[in-house]
Amino acid sequence: MAAWCPVMAGRASDRDAGQMRLAAAVIAVAMCLWLLVQALGAYYGWSGKWAYLADLAAIGAFVWSLIVTWRIWRRRNA
């Protein structure tokens, strides 16, 4: 990207802002769904393997969000 062009810089920052909003939404939704699955599992007496599956899905969402935010941070500091 051309850092000297203010129009291109604005588009890059808009893209970064959109990615940050997406990462924040993924974190919030993953946490809410994880809590919901844990509560439903305890209430209905689901097997522990479903809790592990929910844990794995939540960890995947959190790792993805961490990678996205790290890439944005690196891009802004470059």
C-alpha atoms as a PDB file:
ATOM      1  CA  MET A   1       0.000   0.000   0.000  1.00  0.00           C
ATOM      2  CA  ALA A   2       1.117   3.509  -0.685  1.00  0.00           C
ATOM      3  CA  ALA A   3       1.610   5.172   2.695  1.00  0.00           C
ATOM      4  CA  TRP A   4       2.062   8.575   1.042  1.00  0.00           C
ATOM      5  CA  CYS A   5      -1.479   8.598  -0.344  1.00  0.00           C
ATOM      6  CA  PRO A   6      -4.008   9.769   2.278  1.00  0.00           C
ATOM      7  CA  VAL A   7      -6.896   8.122   0.401  1.00  0.00           C
ATOM      8  CA  MET A   8      -5.197   4.726   0.496  1.00  0.00           C
ATOM      9  CA  ALA A   9      -4.248   5.216   4.148  1.00  0.00           C
ATOM     10  CA  GLY A  10      -7.874   5.973   4.979  1.00  0.00           C
ATOM     11  CA  ARG A  11      -9.029   2.817   3.230  1.00  0.00           C
ATOM     12  CA  ALA A  12      -6.460   0.724   5.081  1.00  0.00           C
ATOM     13  CA  SER A  13      -7.541   2.139   8.429  1.00  0.00           C
ATOM     14  CA  ASP A  14     -11.185   1.538   7.518  1.00  0.00           C
ATOM     15  CA  ARG A  15     -10.338  -2.058   6.684  1.00  0.00           C
ATOM     16  CA  ASP A  16      -8.475  -2.435   9.964  1.00  0.00           C
ATOM     17  CA  ALA A  17     -11.399  -0.945  11.874  1.00  0.00           C
ATOM     18  CA  GLY A  18     -13.777  -3.367  10.192  1.00  0.00           C
ATOM     19  CA  GLN A  19     -11.532  -6.313  11.033  1.00  0.00           C
ATOM     20  CA  MET A  20     -11.281  -5.163  14.646  1.00  0.00           C
ATOM     21  CA  ARG A  21     -15.070  -4.947  14.879  1.00  0.00           C
ATOM     22  CA  LEU A  22     -15.326  -8.445  13.414  1.00  0.00           C
ATOM     23  CA  ALA A  23     -12.763  -9.798  15.894  1.00  0.00           C
ATOM     24  CA  ALA A  24     -14.630  -8.159  18.779  1.00  0.00           C
ATOM     25  CA  ALA A  25     -17.934  -9.628  17.586  1.00  0.00           C
ATOM     26  CA  VAL A  26     -16.365 -13.091  17.278  1.00  0.00           C
ATOM     27  CA  ILE A  27     -15.012 -12.849  20.830  1.00  0.00           C
ATOM     28  CA  ALA A  28     -18.377 -11.722  22.234  1.00  0.00           C
ATOM     29  CA  VAL A  29     -20.433 -14.318  20.352  1.00  0.00           C
ATOM     30  CA  ALA A  30     -17.989 -17.130  21.132  1.00  0.00           C
ATOM     31  CA  MET A  31     -18.049 -16.305  24.834  1.00  0.00           C
ATOM     32  CA  CYS A  32     -21.847 -16.085  24.967  1.00  0.00           C
ATOM     33  CA  LEU A  33     -22.295 -19.344  23.058  1.00  0.00           C
ATOM     34  CA  TRP A  34     -19.675 -21.073  25.174  1.00  0.00           C
ATOM     35  CA  LEU A  35     -21.421 -19.999  28.383  1.00  0.00           C
ATOM     36  CA  LEU A  36     -24.778 -21.065  26.961  1.00  0.00           C
ATOM     37  CA  VAL A  37     -23.525 -24.515  25.962  1.00  0.00           C
ATOM     38  CA  GLN A  38     -21.906 -24.985  29.362  1.00  0.00           C
ATOM     39  CA  ALA A  39     -25.115 -24.019  31.164  1.00  0.00           C
ATOM     40  CA  LEU A  40     -27.316 -26.175  28.930  1.00  0.00           C
ATOM     41  CA  GLY A  41     -24.932 -29.088  29.305  1.00  0.00           C
ATOM     42  CA  ALA A  42     -25.072 -28.866  33.085  1.00  0.00           C
ATOM     43  CA  TYR A  43     -28.852 -28.476  33.091  1.00  0.00           C
ATOM     44  CA  TYR A  44     -29.586 -31.381  30.745  1.00  0.00           C
ATOM     45  CA  GLY A  45     -26.720 -33.587  31.912  1.00  0.00           C
ATOM     46  CA  TRP A  46     -24.939 -33.788  28.575  1.00  0.00           C
ATOM     47  CA  SER A  47     -21.823 -35.868  28.221  1.00  0.00           C
ATOM     48  CA  GLY A  48     -18.467 -34.270  28.934  1.00  0.00           C
ATOM     49  CA  LYS A  49     -17.397 -34.670  25.315  1.00  0.00           C
ATOM     50  CA  TRP A  50     -19.859 -31.918  24.358  1.00  0.00           C
ATOM     51  CA  ALA A  51     -18.252 -29.597  26.881  1.00  0.00           C
ATOM     52  CA  TYR A  52     -14.853 -30.365  25.361  1.00  0.00           C
ATOM     53  CA  LEU A  53     -16.234 -29.698  21.895  1.00  0.00           C
ATOM     54  CA  ALA A  54     -17.597 -26.328  23.034  1.00  0.00           C
ATOM     55  CA  ASP A  55     -14.260 -25.556  24.687  1.00  0.00           C
ATOM     56  CA  LEU A  56     -12.383 -26.405  21.499  1.00  0.00           C
ATOM     57  CA  ALA A  57     -14.683 -24.250  19.369  1.00  0.00           C
ATOM     58  CA  ALA A  58     -14.330 -21.308  21.779  1.00  0.00           C
ATOM     59  CA  ILE A  59     -10.550 -21.662  21.870  1.00  0.00           C
ATOM     60  CA  GLY A  60     -10.497 -21.710  18.072  1.00  0.00           C
ATOM     61  CA  ALA A  61     -12.526 -18.495  17.931  1.00  0.00           C
ATOM     62  CA  PHE A  62     -10.280 -16.824  20.517  1.00  0.00           C
ATOM     63  CA  VAL A  63      -7.083 -17.873  18.736  1.00  0.00           C
ATOM     64  CA  TRP A  64      -8.467 -16.604  15.420  1.00  0.00           C
ATOM     65  CA  SER A  65      -9.334 -13.265  17.038  1.00  0.00           C
ATOM     66  CA  LEU A  66      -5.889 -13.061  18.613  1.00  0.00           C
ATOM     67  CA  ILE A  67      -4.216 -13.691  15.244  1.00  0.00           C
ATOM     68  CA  VAL A  68      -6.376 -11.061  13.525  1.00  0.00           C
ATOM     69  CA  THR A  69      -5.671  -8.424  16.167  1.00  0.00           C
ATOM     70  CA  TRP A  70      -1.951  -9.276  16.156  1.00  0.00           C
ATOM     71  CA  ARG A  71      -1.806  -8.859  12.366  1.00  0.00           C
ATOM     72  CA  ILE A  72      -3.577  -5.500  12.590  1.00  0.00           C
ATOM     73  CA  TRP A  73      -1.203  -4.371  15.326  1.00  0.00           C
ATOM     74  CA  ARG A  74       1.809  -5.426  13.229  1.00  0.00           C
ATOM     75  CA  ARG A  75       0.417  -3.650  10.160  1.00  0.00           C
ATOM     76  CA  ARG A  76      -0.128  -0.417  12.090  1.00  0.00           C
ATOM     77  CA  ASN A  77       3.373  -0.497  13.567  1.00  0.00           C
ATOM     78  CA  ALA A  78       5.086  -1.271  10.255  1.00  0.00           C
END
